[in-house]
Protein backbone atom coordinates (compact mmCIF):
# COMPACT_ATOMS: atom_id res chain seq x y z
CA MET A 1 -61.34 119.71 75.29
CA LEU A 2 -59.01 116.64 75.02
CA GLU A 3 -58.93 114.27 77.95
CA ILE A 4 -56.93 111.06 78.21
CA LYS A 5 -57.47 108.72 81.19
CA ASN A 6 -55.37 105.69 82.08
CA LEU A 7 -54.41 105.05 78.49
CA SER A 8 -52.47 101.84 77.91
CA LYS A 9 -51.28 99.94 74.86
CA THR A 10 -49.75 96.46 74.86
CA PHE A 11 -48.44 94.93 71.65
CA LEU A 12 -48.40 91.17 71.14
CA LYS A 13 -50.29 90.68 74.37
CA GLY A 14 -50.11 87.18 75.78
CA THR A 15 -47.05 86.23 73.74
CA PRO A 16 -43.39 85.87 74.78
CA ASN A 17 -42.76 89.16 72.91
CA GLU A 18 -45.38 91.15 74.78
CA HIS A 19 -44.51 94.84 74.96
CA LYS A 20 -46.29 97.50 77.02
CA ALA A 21 -45.80 100.70 75.01
CA LEU A 22 -48.14 102.85 77.17
CA ASP A 23 -48.85 102.30 80.84
CA GLY A 24 -51.68 104.34 82.36
CA ILE A 25 -51.15 107.71 80.63
CA SER A 26 -53.51 110.47 81.81
CA LEU A 27 -53.52 114.11 80.74
CA SER A 28 -55.95 116.90 79.89
CA LEU A 29 -55.57 119.71 77.35
CA ASP A 30 -57.68 122.88 77.07
CA LYS A 31 -58.69 124.36 73.75
CA GLY A 32 -55.74 126.00 72.03
CA GLU A 33 -53.13 124.45 74.35
CA PHE A 34 -49.85 123.34 72.72
CA VAL A 35 -47.88 120.58 74.47
CA THR A 36 -44.73 118.75 73.50
CA VAL A 37 -44.13 115.05 74.27
CA ILE A 38 -40.44 114.25 74.53
CA GLY A 39 -38.53 111.14 75.54
CA SER A 40 -35.95 108.58 74.42
CA ASN A 41 -36.54 106.09 71.60
CA GLY A 42 -39.11 103.55 72.69
CA ALA A 43 -40.60 105.79 75.35
CA GLY A 44 -44.08 105.52 73.83
CA LYS A 45 -44.28 109.00 72.19
CA SER A 46 -45.53 107.95 68.77
CA THR A 47 -47.76 105.22 70.20
CA LEU A 48 -49.46 107.86 72.34
CA VAL A 49 -50.51 110.06 69.42
CA ARG A 50 -51.51 107.06 67.35
CA CYS A 51 -53.74 105.83 70.19
CA ILE A 52 -55.22 109.28 70.64
CA ASN A 53 -56.69 109.21 67.14
CA PHE A 54 -57.20 105.39 67.15
CA LEU A 55 -54.75 104.59 64.39
CA GLU A 56 -53.79 102.14 67.14
CA LYS A 57 -56.62 100.90 69.35
CA PRO A 58 -55.75 101.35 73.04
CA THR A 59 -55.63 98.22 75.17
CA ALA A 60 -57.22 100.15 78.02
CA GLY A 61 -58.24 103.67 79.00
CA THR A 62 -60.26 106.39 77.33
CA VAL A 63 -59.77 109.27 74.90
CA THR A 64 -62.42 112.00 75.01
CA VAL A 65 -62.53 114.84 72.47
CA ASP A 66 -64.93 117.70 73.19
CA GLY A 67 -67.05 115.43 75.40
CA GLN A 68 -67.14 112.48 73.05
CA GLU A 69 -65.44 109.27 74.24
CA LEU A 70 -63.93 107.72 71.11
CA GLY A 71 -63.80 104.12 72.33
CA SER A 72 -67.54 103.99 72.77
CA LEU A 73 -68.30 104.88 69.14
CA SER A 74 -69.28 102.59 66.30
CA LYS A 75 -66.80 102.22 63.41
CA LYS A 76 -68.72 104.73 61.32
CA GLN A 77 -68.97 107.19 64.20
CA LEU A 78 -65.27 106.83 64.93
CA LEU A 79 -64.32 107.60 61.32
CA GLU A 80 -66.46 110.73 61.58
CA ALA A 81 -64.91 111.75 64.90
CA ARG A 82 -61.36 111.24 63.59
CA ARG A 83 -62.02 113.97 61.06
CA SER A 84 -61.78 116.38 64.00
CA MET A 85 -58.14 115.37 64.47
CA GLY A 86 -55.47 116.29 61.98
CA MET A 87 -52.18 114.33 61.96
CA ILE A 88 -48.75 115.06 60.55
CA PHE A 89 -46.18 112.29 60.33
CA GLN A 90 -42.38 112.09 60.11
CA GLN A 91 -42.69 111.38 56.41
CA PHE A 92 -44.68 113.84 54.36
CA ASN A 93 -46.95 111.16 52.79
CA LEU A 94 -47.92 113.46 50.00
CA LEU A 95 -49.55 112.27 46.79
CA MET A 96 -46.56 112.63 44.50
CA GLN A 97 -48.60 112.53 41.24
CA GLN A 98 -50.90 115.34 42.40
CA THR A 99 -50.33 119.05 42.64
CA VAL A 100 -49.98 120.94 45.90
CA ALA A 101 -53.55 122.19 45.59
CA LYS A 102 -54.84 118.67 44.94
CA ASN A 103 -52.96 117.30 47.95
CA ILE A 104 -54.59 119.86 50.23
CA ALA A 105 -57.99 119.23 48.68
CA TYR A 106 -57.80 115.47 49.06
CA PRO A 107 -59.14 115.01 52.64
CA MET A 108 -62.07 117.31 51.83
CA GLU A 109 -62.88 115.39 48.65
CA CYS A 110 -62.91 112.15 50.69
CA ILE A 111 -65.72 113.47 52.95
CA GLY A 112 -67.81 115.05 50.13
CA VAL A 113 -67.19 118.74 50.71
CA PRO A 114 -68.70 120.75 47.81
CA ARG A 115 -66.17 121.82 45.19
CA ALA A 116 -66.67 125.55 45.71
CA LYS A 117 -65.91 125.21 49.43
CA ILE A 118 -62.87 123.00 48.68
CA ASN A 119 -61.46 125.58 46.29
CA ALA A 120 -61.97 128.39 48.80
CA ARG A 121 -60.40 126.39 51.61
CA VAL A 122 -57.38 125.41 49.50
CA LYS A 123 -56.80 129.04 48.56
CA GLU A 124 -57.08 130.07 52.24
CA LEU A 125 -54.62 127.41 53.41
CA LEU A 126 -52.11 128.17 50.72
CA GLU A 127 -52.03 131.70 52.04
CA VAL A 128 -51.76 130.47 55.64
CA VAL A 129 -48.70 128.35 54.86
CA GLY A 130 -47.19 130.92 52.45
CA LEU A 131 -47.30 128.73 49.33
CA GLU A 132 -49.73 130.64 47.11
CA SER A 133 -47.33 130.52 44.20
CA LYS A 134 -46.88 126.73 44.51
CA ALA A 135 -50.54 125.67 43.98
CA LYS A 136 -49.80 123.97 40.67
CA ALA A 137 -46.42 122.59 41.60
CA TYR A 138 -45.80 118.90 42.38
CA PRO A 139 -44.19 117.67 45.64
CA ALA A 140 -40.99 116.66 43.84
CA GLN A 141 -40.54 120.32 42.83
CA LEU A 142 -40.63 121.50 46.46
CA SER A 143 -38.01 121.73 49.19
CA GLY A 144 -38.37 119.58 52.30
CA GLY A 145 -39.62 122.53 54.27
CA GLN A 146 -42.19 123.39 51.64
CA ARG A 147 -43.42 119.79 51.54
CA GLN A 148 -43.93 119.85 55.27
CA ARG A 149 -45.95 123.05 54.95
CA VAL A 150 -48.15 121.28 52.42
CA ALA A 151 -48.63 118.40 54.85
CA PHE A 152 -49.55 120.93 57.53
CA ALA A 153 -52.12 122.59 55.23
CA ARG A 154 -53.60 119.20 54.31
CA ALA A 155 -53.97 118.26 58.02
CA LEU A 156 -55.78 121.57 58.60
CA ALA A 157 -58.08 121.24 55.58
CA PRO A 158 -61.07 119.67 57.41
CA ASN A 159 -60.86 122.23 60.25
CA PRO A 160 -59.68 119.82 62.96
CA GLN A 161 -60.15 120.53 66.64
CA VAL A 162 -56.95 118.68 67.55
CA LEU A 163 -53.63 118.55 65.70
CA LEU A 164 -51.23 115.65 66.33
CA LEU A 165 -47.64 116.02 65.08
CA ASP A 166 -45.42 112.94 65.20
CA GLU A 167 -41.83 114.19 64.84
CA PRO A 168 -42.84 116.21 61.75
CA PHE A 169 -39.42 117.78 61.22
CA ALA A 170 -37.29 114.63 61.63
CA ALA A 171 -36.64 114.29 57.88
CA ILE A 172 -35.62 117.94 57.43
CA ASP A 173 -32.15 119.40 57.77
CA ALA A 174 -31.25 121.37 60.91
CA LYS A 175 -31.37 124.86 59.45
CA VAL A 176 -34.77 124.44 57.87
CA ARG A 177 -36.04 122.63 61.00
CA THR A 178 -35.20 125.69 63.14
CA GLU A 179 -37.12 127.95 60.77
CA LEU A 180 -40.10 125.62 60.61
CA ARG A 181 -40.55 125.20 64.33
CA SER A 182 -40.76 128.99 64.76
CA TRP A 183 -43.24 129.11 61.93
CA LEU A 184 -45.28 126.24 63.37
CA LYS A 185 -45.57 127.82 66.80
CA GLU A 186 -46.75 131.06 65.23
CA MET A 187 -49.31 129.26 63.05
CA VAL A 188 -50.73 127.10 65.86
CA GLU A 189 -51.05 130.07 68.17
CA LYS A 190 -52.79 132.08 65.45
CA LEU A 191 -55.22 129.33 64.62
CA GLY A 192 -55.85 128.30 68.25
CA ILE A 193 -55.83 124.56 67.65
CA THR A 194 -55.23 122.15 70.52
CA SER A 195 -51.93 120.46 69.57
CA ILE A 196 -49.65 117.65 70.68
CA PHE A 197 -46.16 117.73 69.23
CA VAL A 198 -43.92 114.65 69.53
CA THR A 199 -40.17 115.14 69.30
CA HIS A 200 -36.84 113.76 70.59
CA ASP A 201 -35.21 117.18 70.22
CA GLN A 202 -35.08 119.15 73.49
CA ASP A 203 -34.44 122.51 71.81
CA GLU A 204 -37.50 121.93 69.65
CA ALA A 205 -39.59 121.02 72.70
CA VAL A 206 -38.60 124.16 74.61
CA GLU A 207 -39.13 126.49 71.70
CA VAL A 208 -42.57 125.44 70.51
CA ALA A 209 -44.61 124.26 73.53
CA ASP A 210 -46.57 125.80 76.39
CA GLU A 211 -45.98 122.65 78.37
CA ILE A 212 -43.61 119.67 78.12
CA ILE A 213 -44.43 116.07 78.89
CA ILE A 214 -41.43 113.81 79.46
CA THR A 215 -42.15 110.10 78.88
CA ASN A 216 -40.20 107.01 79.93
CA HIS A 217 -41.15 103.40 79.26
CA GLY A 218 -44.74 104.29 78.46
CA THR A 219 -45.38 106.48 81.50
CA ILE A 220 -45.26 110.21 82.19
CA GLU A 221 -42.23 111.10 84.29
CA GLN A 222 -43.02 114.82 84.55
CA MET A 223 -45.27 117.54 83.09
CA GLY A 224 -44.69 121.25 83.30
CA THR A 225 -43.51 124.37 81.57
CA PRO A 226 -39.99 124.31 80.14
CA VAL A 227 -38.75 126.55 82.94
CA GLU A 228 -40.34 124.38 85.65
CA ILE A 229 -38.83 121.20 84.28
CA TYR A 230 -35.35 122.60 83.72
CA LYS A 231 -35.22 124.32 87.09
CA SER A 232 -36.87 121.51 89.08
CA PRO A 233 -36.58 118.08 87.47
CA GLY A 234 -38.87 115.85 89.45
CA THR A 235 -37.18 112.43 89.10
CA PRO A 236 -33.67 111.12 88.56
CA PHE A 237 -34.65 110.09 85.03
CA VAL A 238 -35.78 113.66 84.16
CA ALA A 239 -32.64 115.12 85.67
CA LYS A 240 -30.44 112.83 83.62
CA PHE A 241 -32.53 113.24 80.49
CA ILE A 242 -32.29 117.05 80.53
CA GLY A 243 -28.66 116.99 81.61
CA ARG A 244 -29.13 118.19 85.16
CA SER A 245 -27.19 116.85 88.09
CA SER A 246 -29.73 117.55 90.87
CA VAL A 247 -33.32 116.69 91.55
CA VAL A 248 -35.75 118.78 93.62
C-alpha cells in the first residue's frame, strides 16, 4: 500500500554545511497498518514524513502509494496524489478566524467538493472526533486537546489513504496527551487508515503502534513490535536508546 525504497534527503548539498537527513530508508506498510517512528532529535523523523508526501523533495529513492510512484508524476498529478495523504503537524495550524466546521471543510472546498457533500462529511467527522457541539466554536475557544481533534478531522476530510502524524501531541500537556493517544489509536484502528506516527516519546510509541521504527542519523536502526524491540534490541544504539544494558 505504501512502499518506500532507498529514500535519502540531503540539505545544502555541495556546500560546507551539507547535511544528510535521510540515508537509504526503506520500508513497506500494508493497508491499515499503524507504525511509530521514534528517535533522538535530528534522527530524521520529521524529514521522513515530509519526504513521504513530498513537502520535501527526496534527493534519491522512491515513494509509492497504492502502486503510484510519486516522484514520476507531473506537478499537477503530484498535487492530486497528495490529497490521498493527510498530515497532522506539531502545531495545530488551524484557521483561527474560522469556525471548527469551516476548518474541517476547508480542504474539501479547495478541491471543489460539492457543498452538500462537504456539509455531510463535516457532520460525520465532528461525530467521529466527538465535537458535535463545537461546530460553531472558534479554535481560540477550544482546549489544546480539542484543537488537535479538529486538526485530525481536517486531515481526514478528503478520505486519505495514508495519515502522517508529525509529533501531533508535542504541544499538549502530559495528561491530555495520554488521553489523546488512546483516542487516536482507537480512531485509526476503527477507520483502517495506514498511518505513520512520529514521536520522541517512548511511552507514546509503545502504546499506539503495531510496529516501532527506531531511527538514528537518517537510517533505520531496528524495526519490530514493541515487545520484540524491548526484549531484543538489535544494536548498541537501540539498547542504549531504550535503556537496556544488553544486546541480542
